[in-house]
N, C-alpha and C. Protein backbone atom coordinates (compact mmCIF):
# COMPACT_ATOMS: atom_id res chain seq x y z
N UNK A 1 14.52 -15.44 -24.32
CA UNK A 1 13.29 -14.69 -24.42
C UNK A 1 12.93 -14.16 -23.03
N UNK A 2 12.52 -12.91 -22.97
CA UNK A 2 12.12 -12.31 -21.70
C UNK A 2 10.62 -12.12 -21.67
N UNK A 3 10.06 -12.25 -20.49
CA UNK A 3 8.65 -12.02 -20.28
C UNK A 3 8.53 -10.87 -19.29
N UNK A 4 7.55 -10.05 -19.48
CA UNK A 4 7.30 -8.99 -18.52
C UNK A 4 5.98 -9.28 -17.84
N UNK A 5 5.99 -9.26 -16.52
CA UNK A 5 4.79 -9.51 -15.74
C UNK A 5 4.43 -8.21 -15.04
N UNK A 6 3.18 -7.82 -15.11
CA UNK A 6 2.71 -6.60 -14.48
C UNK A 6 1.48 -6.94 -13.66
N UNK A 7 1.45 -6.48 -12.42
CA UNK A 7 0.31 -6.79 -11.57
C UNK A 7 0.09 -5.64 -10.61
N UNK A 8 -1.15 -5.39 -10.28
CA UNK A 8 -1.52 -4.40 -9.28
C UNK A 8 -2.25 -5.12 -8.18
N UNK A 9 -1.95 -4.78 -6.93
CA UNK A 9 -2.59 -5.41 -5.78
C UNK A 9 -4.10 -5.40 -5.96
N UNK A 10 -4.64 -4.30 -6.40
CA UNK A 10 -6.04 -4.22 -6.75
C UNK A 10 -6.08 -4.30 -8.28
N UNK A 11 -5.98 -5.50 -8.81
CA UNK A 11 -5.70 -5.72 -10.23
C UNK A 11 -6.70 -5.08 -11.18
N UNK A 12 -7.91 -4.82 -10.74
CA UNK A 12 -8.89 -4.21 -11.64
C UNK A 12 -8.63 -2.73 -11.86
N UNK A 13 -7.63 -2.18 -11.19
CA UNK A 13 -7.40 -0.75 -11.25
C UNK A 13 -6.10 -0.37 -11.94
N UNK A 14 -5.66 -1.18 -12.84
CA UNK A 14 -4.38 -0.95 -13.50
C UNK A 14 -4.35 0.40 -14.22
N UNK A 15 -5.45 0.79 -14.84
CA UNK A 15 -5.45 1.99 -15.65
C UNK A 15 -6.13 3.18 -14.97
N UNK A 16 -6.32 3.11 -13.67
CA UNK A 16 -6.94 4.19 -12.92
C UNK A 16 -5.91 5.26 -12.61
N UNK A 17 -6.41 6.44 -12.24
CA UNK A 17 -5.51 7.48 -11.77
C UNK A 17 -4.95 7.05 -10.44
N UNK A 18 -3.65 7.15 -10.32
CA UNK A 18 -3.02 6.69 -9.08
C UNK A 18 -1.87 7.62 -8.71
N UNK A 19 -1.56 7.58 -7.44
CA UNK A 19 -0.44 8.35 -6.90
C UNK A 19 0.54 7.34 -6.32
N UNK A 20 1.78 7.45 -6.72
CA UNK A 20 2.82 6.59 -6.15
C UNK A 20 3.32 7.23 -4.86
N UNK A 21 3.52 6.40 -3.81
CA UNK A 21 3.98 6.89 -2.52
C UNK A 21 5.36 7.50 -2.67
N UNK A 22 5.52 8.69 -2.11
CA UNK A 22 6.81 9.36 -2.03
C UNK A 22 6.89 10.01 -0.66
N UNK A 23 8.08 10.02 -0.11
CA UNK A 23 8.27 10.51 1.25
C UNK A 23 7.77 11.95 1.44
N UNK A 24 8.01 12.80 0.46
CA UNK A 24 7.64 14.21 0.60
C UNK A 24 6.27 14.55 0.02
N UNK A 25 5.54 13.54 -0.44
CA UNK A 25 4.22 13.78 -1.02
C UNK A 25 3.14 13.37 -0.03
N UNK A 26 2.27 14.28 0.29
CA UNK A 26 1.18 14.00 1.21
C UNK A 26 -0.15 14.11 0.47
N UNK A 27 -1.09 13.25 0.85
CA UNK A 27 -2.41 13.28 0.24
C UNK A 27 -3.13 14.58 0.57
N UNK A 28 -3.98 15.00 -0.37
CA UNK A 28 -4.86 16.15 -0.18
C UNK A 28 -6.29 15.66 -0.38
N UNK A 29 -7.25 16.38 0.17
CA UNK A 29 -8.63 15.94 0.00
C UNK A 29 -9.02 15.90 -1.47
N UNK A 30 -8.42 16.72 -2.32
CA UNK A 30 -8.72 16.70 -3.76
C UNK A 30 -8.30 15.39 -4.43
N UNK A 31 -7.43 14.61 -3.78
CA UNK A 31 -7.00 13.33 -4.33
C UNK A 31 -8.08 12.25 -4.20
N UNK A 32 -9.05 12.47 -3.36
CA UNK A 32 -10.15 11.51 -3.14
C UNK A 32 -11.24 11.84 -4.15
N UNK A 33 -11.24 11.15 -5.28
CA UNK A 33 -12.06 11.56 -6.42
C UNK A 33 -13.27 10.69 -6.70
N UNK A 34 -13.49 9.65 -5.92
CA UNK A 34 -14.65 8.80 -6.16
C UNK A 34 -15.92 9.58 -5.90
N UNK A 35 -16.88 9.46 -6.81
CA UNK A 35 -18.16 10.13 -6.65
C UNK A 35 -19.14 9.31 -5.83
N UNK A 36 -18.88 8.02 -5.71
CA UNK A 36 -19.79 7.17 -4.95
C UNK A 36 -19.43 7.20 -3.48
N UNK A 37 -20.43 7.01 -2.66
CA UNK A 37 -20.20 6.95 -1.23
C UNK A 37 -20.12 5.48 -0.84
N UNK A 38 -18.89 4.98 -0.67
CA UNK A 38 -18.67 3.57 -0.34
C UNK A 38 -18.68 3.35 1.16
N UNK A 39 -19.01 4.35 1.92
CA UNK A 39 -18.92 4.27 3.37
C UNK A 39 -20.30 3.99 3.96
N UNK A 40 -20.50 2.77 4.44
CA UNK A 40 -21.77 2.38 5.04
C UNK A 40 -21.80 2.69 6.53
N UNK A 41 -20.67 2.92 7.12
CA UNK A 41 -20.56 3.17 8.55
C UNK A 41 -20.58 4.69 8.78
N UNK A 42 -21.45 5.13 9.65
CA UNK A 42 -21.59 6.57 9.88
C UNK A 42 -20.35 7.19 10.52
N UNK A 43 -19.47 6.37 11.14
CA UNK A 43 -18.25 6.89 11.74
C UNK A 43 -17.15 7.14 10.72
N UNK A 44 -17.29 6.59 9.54
CA UNK A 44 -16.24 6.68 8.53
C UNK A 44 -16.34 8.02 7.80
N UNK A 45 -15.22 8.72 7.77
CA UNK A 45 -15.16 10.03 7.12
C UNK A 45 -14.66 9.89 5.69
N UNK A 46 -13.74 8.95 5.49
CA UNK A 46 -13.11 8.80 4.18
C UNK A 46 -12.60 7.37 4.00
N UNK A 47 -12.28 7.05 2.77
CA UNK A 47 -11.71 5.74 2.45
C UNK A 47 -10.57 5.95 1.46
N UNK A 48 -9.36 5.59 1.88
CA UNK A 48 -8.17 5.67 1.02
C UNK A 48 -7.94 4.30 0.40
N UNK A 49 -8.08 4.21 -0.89
CA UNK A 49 -7.90 2.94 -1.61
C UNK A 49 -6.41 2.82 -1.96
N UNK A 50 -5.69 2.07 -1.15
CA UNK A 50 -4.24 1.93 -1.29
C UNK A 50 -3.89 0.48 -1.59
N UNK A 51 -2.72 0.28 -2.12
CA UNK A 51 -2.23 -1.06 -2.37
C UNK A 51 -0.85 -1.01 -2.97
N UNK A 52 -0.51 -2.05 -3.70
CA UNK A 52 0.80 -2.13 -4.33
C UNK A 52 0.62 -2.42 -5.81
N UNK A 53 1.67 -2.08 -6.51
CA UNK A 53 1.76 -2.41 -7.92
C UNK A 53 3.17 -2.97 -8.10
N UNK A 54 3.27 -4.03 -8.87
CA UNK A 54 4.61 -4.53 -9.13
C UNK A 54 4.75 -4.94 -10.58
N UNK A 55 5.98 -4.92 -11.03
CA UNK A 55 6.30 -5.42 -12.36
C UNK A 55 7.55 -6.28 -12.22
N UNK A 56 7.66 -7.27 -13.08
CA UNK A 56 8.82 -8.17 -13.04
C UNK A 56 9.25 -8.49 -14.46
N UNK A 57 10.54 -8.49 -14.67
CA UNK A 57 11.11 -8.95 -15.93
C UNK A 57 11.71 -10.31 -15.64
N UNK A 58 11.07 -11.33 -16.21
CA UNK A 58 11.43 -12.72 -15.94
C UNK A 58 11.82 -13.36 -17.27
N UNK A 59 12.86 -14.14 -17.24
CA UNK A 59 13.36 -14.80 -18.45
C UNK A 59 12.95 -16.27 -18.47
N UNK A 60 12.85 -16.81 -19.67
CA UNK A 60 12.61 -18.25 -19.79
C UNK A 60 13.86 -19.03 -19.37
N UNK A 61 15.02 -18.36 -19.41
CA UNK A 61 16.26 -18.95 -18.88
C UNK A 61 16.21 -18.76 -17.36
N UNK A 62 15.96 -19.82 -16.65
CA UNK A 62 15.71 -19.74 -15.21
C UNK A 62 16.90 -19.24 -14.39
N UNK A 63 18.10 -19.22 -14.96
CA UNK A 63 19.27 -18.73 -14.25
C UNK A 63 19.48 -17.23 -14.40
N UNK A 64 18.74 -16.61 -15.32
CA UNK A 64 18.86 -15.18 -15.57
C UNK A 64 18.34 -14.39 -14.37
N UNK A 65 19.05 -13.36 -13.97
CA UNK A 65 18.54 -12.52 -12.88
C UNK A 65 17.18 -11.92 -13.23
N UNK A 66 16.35 -11.78 -12.23
CA UNK A 66 15.02 -11.20 -12.41
C UNK A 66 15.05 -9.76 -11.88
N UNK A 67 14.28 -8.90 -12.51
CA UNK A 67 14.16 -7.51 -12.07
C UNK A 67 12.72 -7.32 -11.61
N UNK A 68 12.56 -6.89 -10.36
CA UNK A 68 11.23 -6.70 -9.79
C UNK A 68 11.13 -5.28 -9.24
N UNK A 69 10.09 -4.57 -9.60
CA UNK A 69 9.81 -3.23 -9.08
C UNK A 69 8.49 -3.29 -8.32
N UNK A 70 8.47 -2.72 -7.12
CA UNK A 70 7.29 -2.73 -6.26
C UNK A 70 7.02 -1.30 -5.82
N UNK A 71 5.77 -0.85 -6.00
CA UNK A 71 5.40 0.51 -5.61
C UNK A 71 4.14 0.47 -4.75
N UNK A 72 4.08 1.33 -3.75
CA UNK A 72 2.84 1.56 -3.00
C UNK A 72 2.08 2.63 -3.76
N UNK A 73 0.78 2.39 -3.95
CA UNK A 73 -0.03 3.33 -4.73
C UNK A 73 -1.34 3.67 -4.01
N UNK A 74 -1.86 4.82 -4.36
CA UNK A 74 -3.16 5.32 -3.89
C UNK A 74 -4.01 5.50 -5.15
N UNK A 75 -5.18 4.88 -5.17
CA UNK A 75 -6.07 4.95 -6.34
C UNK A 75 -7.07 6.08 -6.11
N UNK A 76 -6.92 7.15 -6.87
CA UNK A 76 -7.74 8.34 -6.67
C UNK A 76 -9.24 8.10 -6.91
N UNK A 77 -9.56 7.46 -8.01
CA UNK A 77 -10.99 7.34 -8.34
C UNK A 77 -11.69 6.20 -7.61
N UNK A 78 -11.01 5.54 -6.69
CA UNK A 78 -11.62 4.55 -5.80
C UNK A 78 -11.58 5.02 -4.35
N UNK A 79 -11.06 6.22 -4.13
CA UNK A 79 -10.96 6.79 -2.78
C UNK A 79 -12.02 7.87 -2.64
N UNK A 80 -12.73 7.83 -1.50
CA UNK A 80 -13.84 8.76 -1.34
C UNK A 80 -13.79 9.44 0.02
N UNK A 81 -14.60 10.46 0.16
CA UNK A 81 -14.67 11.23 1.40
C UNK A 81 -16.09 11.75 1.58
N UNK A 82 -16.44 12.03 2.81
CA UNK A 82 -17.69 12.69 3.13
C UNK A 82 -17.35 14.15 3.39
N UNK A 83 -17.66 15.01 2.43
CA UNK A 83 -17.26 16.42 2.53
C UNK A 83 -17.79 17.11 3.79
N UNK A 84 -18.86 16.60 4.36
CA UNK A 84 -19.44 17.21 5.55
C UNK A 84 -18.65 16.86 6.82
N UNK A 85 -17.81 15.84 6.75
CA UNK A 85 -17.11 15.37 7.95
C UNK A 85 -15.60 15.53 7.91
N UNK A 86 -15.03 15.88 6.77
CA UNK A 86 -13.57 15.87 6.64
C UNK A 86 -12.91 16.89 7.56
N UNK A 87 -11.69 16.54 7.97
CA UNK A 87 -10.88 17.42 8.82
C UNK A 87 -9.41 17.10 8.57
N UNK A 88 -8.55 17.93 9.12
CA UNK A 88 -7.11 17.66 9.01
C UNK A 88 -6.75 16.35 9.69
N UNK A 89 -7.40 16.05 10.82
CA UNK A 89 -7.12 14.80 11.53
C UNK A 89 -7.53 13.59 10.70
N UNK A 90 -8.68 13.67 10.04
CA UNK A 90 -9.11 12.52 9.23
C UNK A 90 -8.23 12.36 7.99
N UNK A 91 -7.73 13.45 7.46
CA UNK A 91 -6.80 13.35 6.32
C UNK A 91 -5.49 12.69 6.77
N UNK A 92 -5.02 13.04 7.96
CA UNK A 92 -3.81 12.40 8.49
C UNK A 92 -4.04 10.90 8.67
N UNK A 93 -5.21 10.52 9.16
CA UNK A 93 -5.54 9.09 9.32
C UNK A 93 -5.46 8.38 7.97
N UNK A 94 -6.01 8.99 6.93
CA UNK A 94 -5.98 8.37 5.60
C UNK A 94 -4.56 8.34 5.04
N UNK A 95 -3.78 9.39 5.30
CA UNK A 95 -2.37 9.39 4.89
C UNK A 95 -1.64 8.22 5.51
N UNK A 96 -1.95 7.91 6.75
CA UNK A 96 -1.29 6.80 7.43
C UNK A 96 -1.65 5.46 6.79
N UNK A 97 -2.87 5.34 6.25
CA UNK A 97 -3.19 4.13 5.48
C UNK A 97 -2.23 4.00 4.29
N UNK A 98 -1.98 5.11 3.61
CA UNK A 98 -1.06 5.11 2.47
C UNK A 98 0.35 4.79 2.95
N UNK A 99 0.75 5.35 4.08
CA UNK A 99 2.08 5.06 4.64
C UNK A 99 2.21 3.58 5.02
N UNK A 100 1.13 3.00 5.52
CA UNK A 100 1.15 1.56 5.84
C UNK A 100 1.36 0.75 4.57
N UNK A 101 0.74 1.16 3.48
CA UNK A 101 0.97 0.47 2.20
C UNK A 101 2.45 0.52 1.83
N UNK A 102 3.10 1.65 2.07
CA UNK A 102 4.53 1.77 1.78
C UNK A 102 5.35 0.89 2.73
N UNK A 103 4.97 0.82 4.00
CA UNK A 103 5.70 -0.05 4.94
C UNK A 103 5.70 -1.48 4.43
N UNK A 104 4.54 -1.96 4.03
CA UNK A 104 4.47 -3.35 3.60
C UNK A 104 5.05 -3.56 2.20
N UNK A 105 5.08 -2.51 1.38
CA UNK A 105 5.81 -2.60 0.11
C UNK A 105 7.30 -2.76 0.42
N UNK A 106 7.79 -2.06 1.42
CA UNK A 106 9.19 -2.19 1.82
C UNK A 106 9.48 -3.57 2.38
N UNK A 107 8.56 -4.11 3.16
CA UNK A 107 8.74 -5.46 3.67
C UNK A 107 8.78 -6.47 2.52
N UNK A 108 7.93 -6.25 1.54
CA UNK A 108 7.93 -7.12 0.36
C UNK A 108 9.25 -6.97 -0.40
N UNK A 109 9.71 -5.74 -0.58
CA UNK A 109 11.00 -5.51 -1.26
C UNK A 109 12.13 -6.20 -0.50
N UNK A 110 12.10 -6.12 0.83
CA UNK A 110 13.15 -6.74 1.63
C UNK A 110 13.18 -8.25 1.42
N UNK A 111 12.02 -8.88 1.54
CA UNK A 111 11.98 -10.35 1.37
C UNK A 111 12.36 -10.75 -0.05
N UNK A 112 11.90 -10.00 -1.01
CA UNK A 112 12.23 -10.30 -2.41
C UNK A 112 13.74 -10.18 -2.61
N UNK A 113 14.34 -9.13 -2.07
CA UNK A 113 15.79 -8.94 -2.25
C UNK A 113 16.60 -10.03 -1.57
N UNK A 114 16.06 -10.60 -0.48
CA UNK A 114 16.78 -11.64 0.25
C UNK A 114 16.60 -13.02 -0.37
N UNK A 115 15.49 -13.26 -1.04
CA UNK A 115 15.17 -14.62 -1.48
C UNK A 115 15.05 -14.83 -2.98
N UNK A 116 14.95 -13.74 -3.74
CA UNK A 116 14.73 -13.92 -5.17
C UNK A 116 15.84 -13.24 -5.96
N UNK A 117 16.61 -14.06 -6.67
CA UNK A 117 17.69 -13.55 -7.50
C UNK A 117 17.42 -13.89 -8.97
N UNK A 118 17.08 -15.13 -9.21
CA UNK A 118 16.92 -15.60 -10.59
C UNK A 118 15.45 -15.73 -10.97
N UNK A 119 15.22 -15.96 -12.24
CA UNK A 119 13.87 -16.21 -12.73
C UNK A 119 13.28 -17.45 -12.09
N UNK A 120 14.11 -18.44 -11.84
CA UNK A 120 13.64 -19.66 -11.17
C UNK A 120 13.16 -19.34 -9.75
N UNK A 121 13.91 -18.50 -9.05
CA UNK A 121 13.50 -18.08 -7.70
C UNK A 121 12.16 -17.37 -7.75
N UNK A 122 12.02 -16.49 -8.74
CA UNK A 122 10.77 -15.74 -8.89
C UNK A 122 9.60 -16.71 -9.05
N UNK A 123 9.75 -17.63 -9.96
CA UNK A 123 8.68 -18.60 -10.24
C UNK A 123 8.34 -19.41 -8.98
N UNK A 124 9.37 -19.79 -8.24
CA UNK A 124 9.14 -20.65 -7.08
C UNK A 124 8.65 -19.90 -5.84
N UNK A 125 9.16 -18.69 -5.61
CA UNK A 125 8.93 -18.05 -4.32
C UNK A 125 8.07 -16.79 -4.32
N UNK A 126 8.03 -16.06 -5.43
CA UNK A 126 7.44 -14.72 -5.37
C UNK A 126 6.01 -14.73 -4.85
N UNK A 127 5.15 -15.54 -5.42
CA UNK A 127 3.74 -15.50 -5.02
C UNK A 127 3.53 -15.94 -3.57
N UNK A 128 4.37 -16.84 -3.10
CA UNK A 128 4.28 -17.23 -1.68
C UNK A 128 4.63 -16.05 -0.78
N UNK A 129 5.71 -15.38 -1.11
CA UNK A 129 6.14 -14.21 -0.34
C UNK A 129 5.07 -13.12 -0.43
N UNK A 130 4.63 -12.85 -1.63
CA UNK A 130 3.62 -11.82 -1.86
C UNK A 130 2.36 -12.09 -1.04
N UNK A 131 1.85 -13.30 -1.11
CA UNK A 131 0.62 -13.64 -0.39
C UNK A 131 0.79 -13.51 1.12
N UNK A 132 1.95 -13.90 1.63
CA UNK A 132 2.22 -13.78 3.07
C UNK A 132 2.22 -12.32 3.50
N UNK A 133 2.94 -11.47 2.76
CA UNK A 133 3.02 -10.05 3.10
C UNK A 133 1.65 -9.39 2.90
N UNK A 134 0.92 -9.77 1.86
CA UNK A 134 -0.42 -9.20 1.61
C UNK A 134 -1.37 -9.49 2.77
N UNK A 135 -1.29 -10.70 3.30
CA UNK A 135 -2.14 -11.06 4.44
C UNK A 135 -1.77 -10.21 5.66
N UNK A 136 -0.48 -10.06 5.92
CA UNK A 136 -0.03 -9.23 7.03
C UNK A 136 -0.48 -7.77 6.83
N UNK A 137 -0.37 -7.30 5.62
CA UNK A 137 -0.78 -5.92 5.27
C UNK A 137 -2.28 -5.71 5.54
N UNK A 138 -3.09 -6.60 5.03
CA UNK A 138 -4.54 -6.48 5.22
C UNK A 138 -4.92 -6.54 6.70
N UNK A 139 -4.28 -7.44 7.45
CA UNK A 139 -4.54 -7.54 8.88
C UNK A 139 -4.14 -6.25 9.61
N UNK A 140 -2.99 -5.70 9.25
CA UNK A 140 -2.53 -4.48 9.90
C UNK A 140 -3.47 -3.32 9.60
N UNK A 141 -3.88 -3.18 8.33
CA UNK A 141 -4.80 -2.09 7.96
C UNK A 141 -6.10 -2.20 8.76
N UNK A 142 -6.64 -3.40 8.87
CA UNK A 142 -7.89 -3.61 9.62
C UNK A 142 -7.70 -3.29 11.10
N UNK A 143 -6.61 -3.79 11.66
CA UNK A 143 -6.32 -3.56 13.07
C UNK A 143 -6.13 -2.07 13.34
N UNK A 144 -5.46 -1.37 12.43
CA UNK A 144 -5.24 0.07 12.55
C UNK A 144 -6.59 0.80 12.64
N UNK A 145 -7.52 0.48 11.76
CA UNK A 145 -8.83 1.13 11.80
C UNK A 145 -9.60 0.78 13.07
N UNK A 146 -9.53 -0.49 13.49
CA UNK A 146 -10.23 -0.91 14.71
C UNK A 146 -9.66 -0.19 15.94
N UNK A 147 -8.35 -0.21 16.07
CA UNK A 147 -7.70 0.39 17.24
C UNK A 147 -7.93 1.90 17.32
N UNK A 148 -7.87 2.57 16.18
CA UNK A 148 -8.02 4.03 16.18
C UNK A 148 -9.47 4.46 16.01
N UNK A 149 -10.36 3.46 15.85
CA UNK A 149 -11.76 3.73 15.53
C UNK A 149 -11.84 4.69 14.36
N UNK A 150 -11.15 4.31 13.28
CA UNK A 150 -11.10 5.10 12.04
C UNK A 150 -10.57 6.51 12.28
N UNK A 151 -9.64 6.64 13.22
CA UNK A 151 -9.02 7.92 13.52
C UNK A 151 -9.73 8.72 14.60
N UNK A 152 -10.86 8.22 15.09
CA UNK A 152 -11.64 8.96 16.10
C UNK A 152 -11.05 8.85 17.50
N UNK A 153 -10.25 7.81 17.77
CA UNK A 153 -9.59 7.68 19.06
C UNK A 153 -8.24 8.40 18.93
N UNK A 154 -8.22 9.63 19.38
CA UNK A 154 -7.04 10.49 19.18
C UNK A 154 -5.77 9.93 19.82
N UNK A 155 -5.91 9.33 21.01
CA UNK A 155 -4.75 8.75 21.68
C UNK A 155 -4.15 7.60 20.90
N UNK A 156 -5.00 6.68 20.44
CA UNK A 156 -4.52 5.55 19.65
C UNK A 156 -3.97 6.03 18.31
N UNK A 157 -4.62 7.04 17.72
CA UNK A 157 -4.13 7.58 16.45
C UNK A 157 -2.72 8.12 16.62
N UNK A 158 -2.49 8.82 17.72
CA UNK A 158 -1.16 9.37 17.99
C UNK A 158 -0.14 8.24 18.15
N UNK A 159 -0.51 7.18 18.84
CA UNK A 159 0.37 6.01 18.99
C UNK A 159 0.71 5.42 17.62
N UNK A 160 -0.30 5.24 16.79
CA UNK A 160 -0.06 4.65 15.47
C UNK A 160 0.75 5.58 14.58
N UNK A 161 0.56 6.89 14.71
CA UNK A 161 1.38 7.82 13.94
C UNK A 161 2.87 7.57 14.22
N UNK A 162 3.19 7.36 15.51
CA UNK A 162 4.59 7.09 15.89
C UNK A 162 5.05 5.72 15.39
N UNK A 163 4.20 4.71 15.55
CA UNK A 163 4.54 3.36 15.09
C UNK A 163 4.84 3.37 13.59
N UNK A 164 3.99 4.03 12.83
CA UNK A 164 4.12 4.06 11.37
C UNK A 164 5.39 4.81 10.97
N UNK A 165 5.63 5.95 11.60
CA UNK A 165 6.85 6.72 11.31
C UNK A 165 8.09 5.89 11.63
N UNK A 166 8.08 5.20 12.77
CA UNK A 166 9.23 4.36 13.16
C UNK A 166 9.44 3.21 12.19
N UNK A 167 8.37 2.57 11.76
CA UNK A 167 8.48 1.46 10.80
C UNK A 167 9.06 1.93 9.47
N UNK A 168 8.61 3.08 8.99
CA UNK A 168 9.18 3.63 7.75
C UNK A 168 10.67 3.86 7.90
N UNK A 169 11.07 4.37 9.05
CA UNK A 169 12.49 4.62 9.31
C UNK A 169 13.27 3.30 9.38
N UNK A 170 12.73 2.31 10.08
CA UNK A 170 13.42 1.02 10.20
C UNK A 170 13.62 0.34 8.85
N UNK A 171 12.70 0.59 7.93
CA UNK A 171 12.75 -0.06 6.62
C UNK A 171 13.27 0.88 5.51
N UNK A 172 13.94 1.96 5.90
CA UNK A 172 14.38 2.97 4.92
C UNK A 172 15.31 2.40 3.85
N UNK A 173 16.02 1.34 4.16
CA UNK A 173 16.91 0.73 3.16
C UNK A 173 16.15 0.10 2.01
N UNK A 174 14.85 -0.03 2.14
CA UNK A 174 14.03 -0.70 1.11
C UNK A 174 13.05 0.25 0.45
N UNK A 175 13.42 1.56 0.43
CA UNK A 175 12.59 2.58 -0.26
C UNK A 175 12.47 2.24 -1.71
């Protein structure tokens, strides 16, 4: 008997409009569809609601290979913008949040591919790996906003643009 497990990093948003990360797809301001203003900080221009979604086919036979799919996603109806403040630079900053989600999805794919083969491995290791990578992801996203001052520090933003591009390249085997 096979079981299918489906989970979204932001689990309450399983049925929301979402965009899956793709190398040649860039966010547009029209993708930010939330009508509410979730931004309490006057320096914040926009909020990109990004995360991961994964599915797993796990068998009750613990020796059966497991199939796991992991995607970085952008949730349109949870992402918002201040139309009076938006710019190309702020859109690039938000795109980098989405790119960071893909970096950590690749890190998760890498660890999963190295440590999880069977259904037994999935049961024993997946959530530990997931939680570790999720913590690193959340810390990096927060640090990115702090260092770039939400994209307002142009020098730091430029540094992070390079860091993010390099990380995507280093992890290209885990697209």
